[in-house]
Each structure stands twice: as C-alpha cells, then as structure tokens.
C-alpha cells in the first residue's frame, strides 16, 4: 500500500498544479495544506488517519480564511470612458444653446472623457458662446450651469 506521506504529497502537488492552471488562489491553500500534512507524516509517521484529515481541514480552512481577510483586491480594468467625478467643475464653452426645453452642446479646450464636444443639458437657458461649468454627468450628457 502507498505510504500516507506520499499520498498527501501527491495530492498537494496535484492541487498546486490545478492552481497554476486556474490562477484563482483558492486551491493554493488546499495544496499547501496537503503538503504540510505530508511533511507532518514524514516527521511523525504514526499519525492516525482521522488526525491527518483533521489537520488538512484545519490548515485549509484557516489559511483560506486568513488570506480572504488580508487580501485586498486592486482593480485592474480601465475606467476610460466612465465618469468618476473628476469632470465635475470643468469649464467649457457652449456652442449650441441649451436650456430646460432643448439640449445643446458644450466644447472643452482639453478633451473630457475622450471627447472635446459633449451634449449638454441645463435647468437654465445658456446662450451659445457663454461659459458653462459641469455639475453632473448623466448618461452620455453633461448637466451644466452658467459660470
């Protein structure tokens, strides 16, 4: 029969290989726990089978819990084209009048979220040629007010 130390070692290596294939970091802790049990079996070969499974379960759950509590995920996807609030307060020139009953256009000297011209809406009438400041981003339109 296969020695328990080799069985735990093989299980640990298989779990680590699966982790390398998936890259989730969840299986990693189970593989490390299995290898830890293999090392314990090498040091103390007479550990009962129930104790081996208890050690594996305790190590797996505790290491996974510690990792989940301490791991801070950093966003890796780009926020290009999404309003994040940095645009609020920017000043542009109204090139098409806007007001409560009509949408207009506002132009910025420097691009704003990838474009220099944006559809503009306003609660007050703002004539073409006036300066306006961005107060909110609503969908693909900017809510502006007169400067």
Protein backbone atom coordinates (compact mmCIF):
# COMPACT_ATOMS: atom_id res chain seq x y z
CA UNK A 1 0.00 0.00 0.00
CA UNK A 2 1.11 3.56 -0.67
CA UNK A 3 2.63 5.39 2.27
CA UNK A 4 0.34 8.20 3.54
CA UNK A 5 3.17 10.71 3.28
CA UNK A 6 3.48 10.10 -0.47
CA UNK A 7 -0.29 10.23 -0.94
CA UNK A 8 -0.56 13.62 0.78
CA UNK A 9 2.45 14.87 -1.19
CA UNK A 10 0.90 13.78 -4.49
CA UNK A 11 -2.43 15.35 -3.57
CA UNK A 12 -0.65 18.59 -2.67
CA UNK A 13 1.29 18.68 -5.94
CA UNK A 14 -1.84 17.95 -7.99
CA UNK A 15 -3.72 20.74 -6.19
CA UNK A 16 -0.83 23.16 -6.79
CA UNK A 17 -0.78 22.20 -10.48
CA UNK A 18 -4.52 22.85 -10.71
CA UNK A 19 -3.97 26.20 -9.03
CA UNK A 20 -1.30 27.11 -11.54
CA UNK A 21 -3.71 26.24 -14.35
CA UNK A 22 -6.59 28.31 -12.94
CA UNK A 23 -4.86 31.17 -11.10
CA UNK A 24 -7.66 31.66 -8.58
CA UNK A 25 -5.57 31.50 -5.36
CA UNK A 26 -8.29 29.40 -3.71
CA UNK A 27 -6.85 25.97 -4.48
CA UNK A 28 -3.36 27.13 -3.50
CA UNK A 29 -4.17 26.91 0.21
CA UNK A 30 -5.50 23.36 -0.09
CA UNK A 31 -2.34 22.29 -1.94
CA UNK A 32 -0.09 23.87 0.68
CA UNK A 33 -2.14 22.24 3.44
CA UNK A 34 -1.79 18.81 1.81
CA UNK A 35 1.97 19.29 1.50
CA UNK A 36 2.09 20.36 5.17
CA UNK A 37 0.31 17.15 6.16
CA UNK A 38 2.84 15.21 4.04
CA UNK A 39 5.69 16.89 5.94
CA UNK A 40 3.96 16.09 9.24
CA UNK A 41 3.62 12.45 8.12
CA UNK A 42 7.33 12.37 7.28
CA UNK A 43 8.19 13.69 10.75
CA UNK A 44 5.60 11.62 12.65
CA UNK A 45 4.67 8.57 10.53
CA UNK A 46 2.25 7.14 13.12
CA UNK A 47 -0.36 9.94 12.92
CA UNK A 48 -3.84 8.35 12.73
CA UNK A 49 -5.82 8.82 9.52
CA UNK A 50 -8.57 10.83 11.28
CA UNK A 51 -5.94 13.20 12.64
CA UNK A 52 -4.46 13.62 9.14
CA UNK A 53 -7.83 14.65 7.71
CA UNK A 54 -8.49 16.94 10.68
CA UNK A 55 -5.09 18.61 10.18
CA UNK A 56 -5.75 19.02 6.46
CA UNK A 57 -9.19 20.54 7.08
CA UNK A 58 -7.97 22.88 9.83
CA UNK A 59 -4.96 24.07 7.82
CA UNK A 60 -7.01 24.54 4.65
CA UNK A 61 -9.86 26.47 6.23
CA UNK A 62 -7.67 28.62 8.47
CA UNK A 63 -5.20 29.56 5.72
CA UNK A 64 -8.02 30.33 3.29
CA UNK A 65 -9.78 32.46 5.92
CA UNK A 66 -6.60 34.36 6.79
CA UNK A 67 -5.94 35.02 3.10
CA UNK A 68 -9.51 36.24 2.48
CA UNK A 69 -9.33 38.60 5.46
CA UNK A 70 -5.99 40.13 4.46
CA UNK A 71 -6.16 40.14 0.66
CA UNK A 72 -7.12 43.49 -0.87
CA UNK A 73 -8.10 43.24 -4.50
CA UNK A 74 -6.85 46.05 -6.71
CA UNK A 75 -8.86 46.96 -9.77
CA UNK A 76 -7.04 46.06 -12.94
CA UNK A 77 -9.61 47.12 -15.50
CA UNK A 78 -9.51 50.55 -17.05
CA UNK A 79 -12.05 53.24 -16.22
CA UNK A 80 -11.58 55.00 -19.56
CA UNK A 81 -14.86 56.49 -20.73
CA UNK A 82 -16.54 56.27 -17.33
CA UNK A 83 -17.40 59.30 -15.25
CA UNK A 84 -15.63 59.19 -11.92
CA UNK A 85 -16.42 62.71 -10.70
CA UNK A 86 -13.19 64.29 -11.90
CA UNK A 87 -15.13 66.07 -14.68
CA UNK A 88 -17.39 67.97 -12.31
CA UNK A 89 -16.29 71.58 -12.11
CA UNK A 90 -14.65 71.67 -15.55
CA UNK A 91 -15.48 74.80 -17.57
CA UNK A 92 -16.31 74.74 -21.27
CA UNK A 93 -17.88 76.98 -23.92
CA UNK A 94 -21.47 76.42 -25.01
CA UNK A 95 -21.50 76.07 -28.83
CA UNK A 96 -25.23 75.27 -29.14
CA UNK A 97 -27.67 76.92 -26.76
CA UNK A 98 -29.16 74.67 -24.12
CA UNK A 99 -31.99 75.01 -21.65
CA UNK A 100 -34.86 73.13 -19.99
CA UNK A 101 -36.62 72.53 -23.30
CA UNK A 102 -33.62 71.88 -25.57
CA UNK A 103 -30.33 70.07 -25.45
CA UNK A 104 -27.21 71.89 -26.56
CA UNK A 105 -23.52 71.26 -26.95
CA UNK A 106 -20.53 72.31 -24.94
CA UNK A 107 -16.89 72.30 -26.10
CA UNK A 108 -13.83 71.98 -23.89
CA UNK A 109 -10.33 73.18 -24.74
CA UNK A 110 -8.91 69.90 -23.48
CA UNK A 111 -10.70 66.58 -24.07
CA UNK A 112 -13.10 65.44 -21.40
CA UNK A 113 -13.53 61.65 -21.09
CA UNK A 114 -12.19 61.16 -24.59
CA UNK A 115 -14.07 63.91 -26.46
CA UNK A 116 -13.91 67.69 -26.77
CA UNK A 117 -17.63 68.20 -27.53
CA UNK A 118 -20.48 66.88 -25.42
CA UNK A 119 -24.25 67.05 -25.43
CA UNK A 120 -25.30 69.42 -22.67
CA UNK A 121 -28.46 69.87 -20.63
CA UNK A 122 -29.26 72.70 -18.28
CA UNK A 123 -32.04 73.90 -15.99
CA UNK A 124 -31.46 77.49 -17.16
CA UNK A 125 -31.16 78.86 -20.69
CA UNK A 126 -27.49 79.26 -21.65
CA UNK A 127 -26.73 81.00 -24.95
CA UNK A 128 -24.07 79.92 -27.42
CA UNK A 129 -20.69 81.49 -26.66
CA UNK A 130 -21.24 81.52 -22.88
CA UNK A 131 -19.02 79.65 -20.48
CA UNK A 132 -20.59 76.80 -18.51
CA UNK A 133 -19.36 74.50 -15.77
CA UNK A 134 -20.13 70.79 -15.47
CA UNK A 135 -22.27 69.95 -12.43
CA UNK A 136 -23.10 66.30 -13.20
CA UNK A 137 -22.66 63.53 -15.73
CA UNK A 138 -26.00 61.99 -16.68
CA UNK A 139 -25.58 59.08 -19.05
CA UNK A 140 -23.92 60.43 -22.18
CA UNK A 141 -24.84 64.06 -21.45
CA UNK A 142 -23.34 66.67 -19.18
CA UNK A 143 -25.52 68.76 -16.90
CA UNK A 144 -24.09 72.29 -16.96
CA UNK A 145 -24.77 75.66 -15.40
CA UNK A 146 -23.74 79.17 -16.39
CA UNK A 147 -20.41 80.32 -14.94
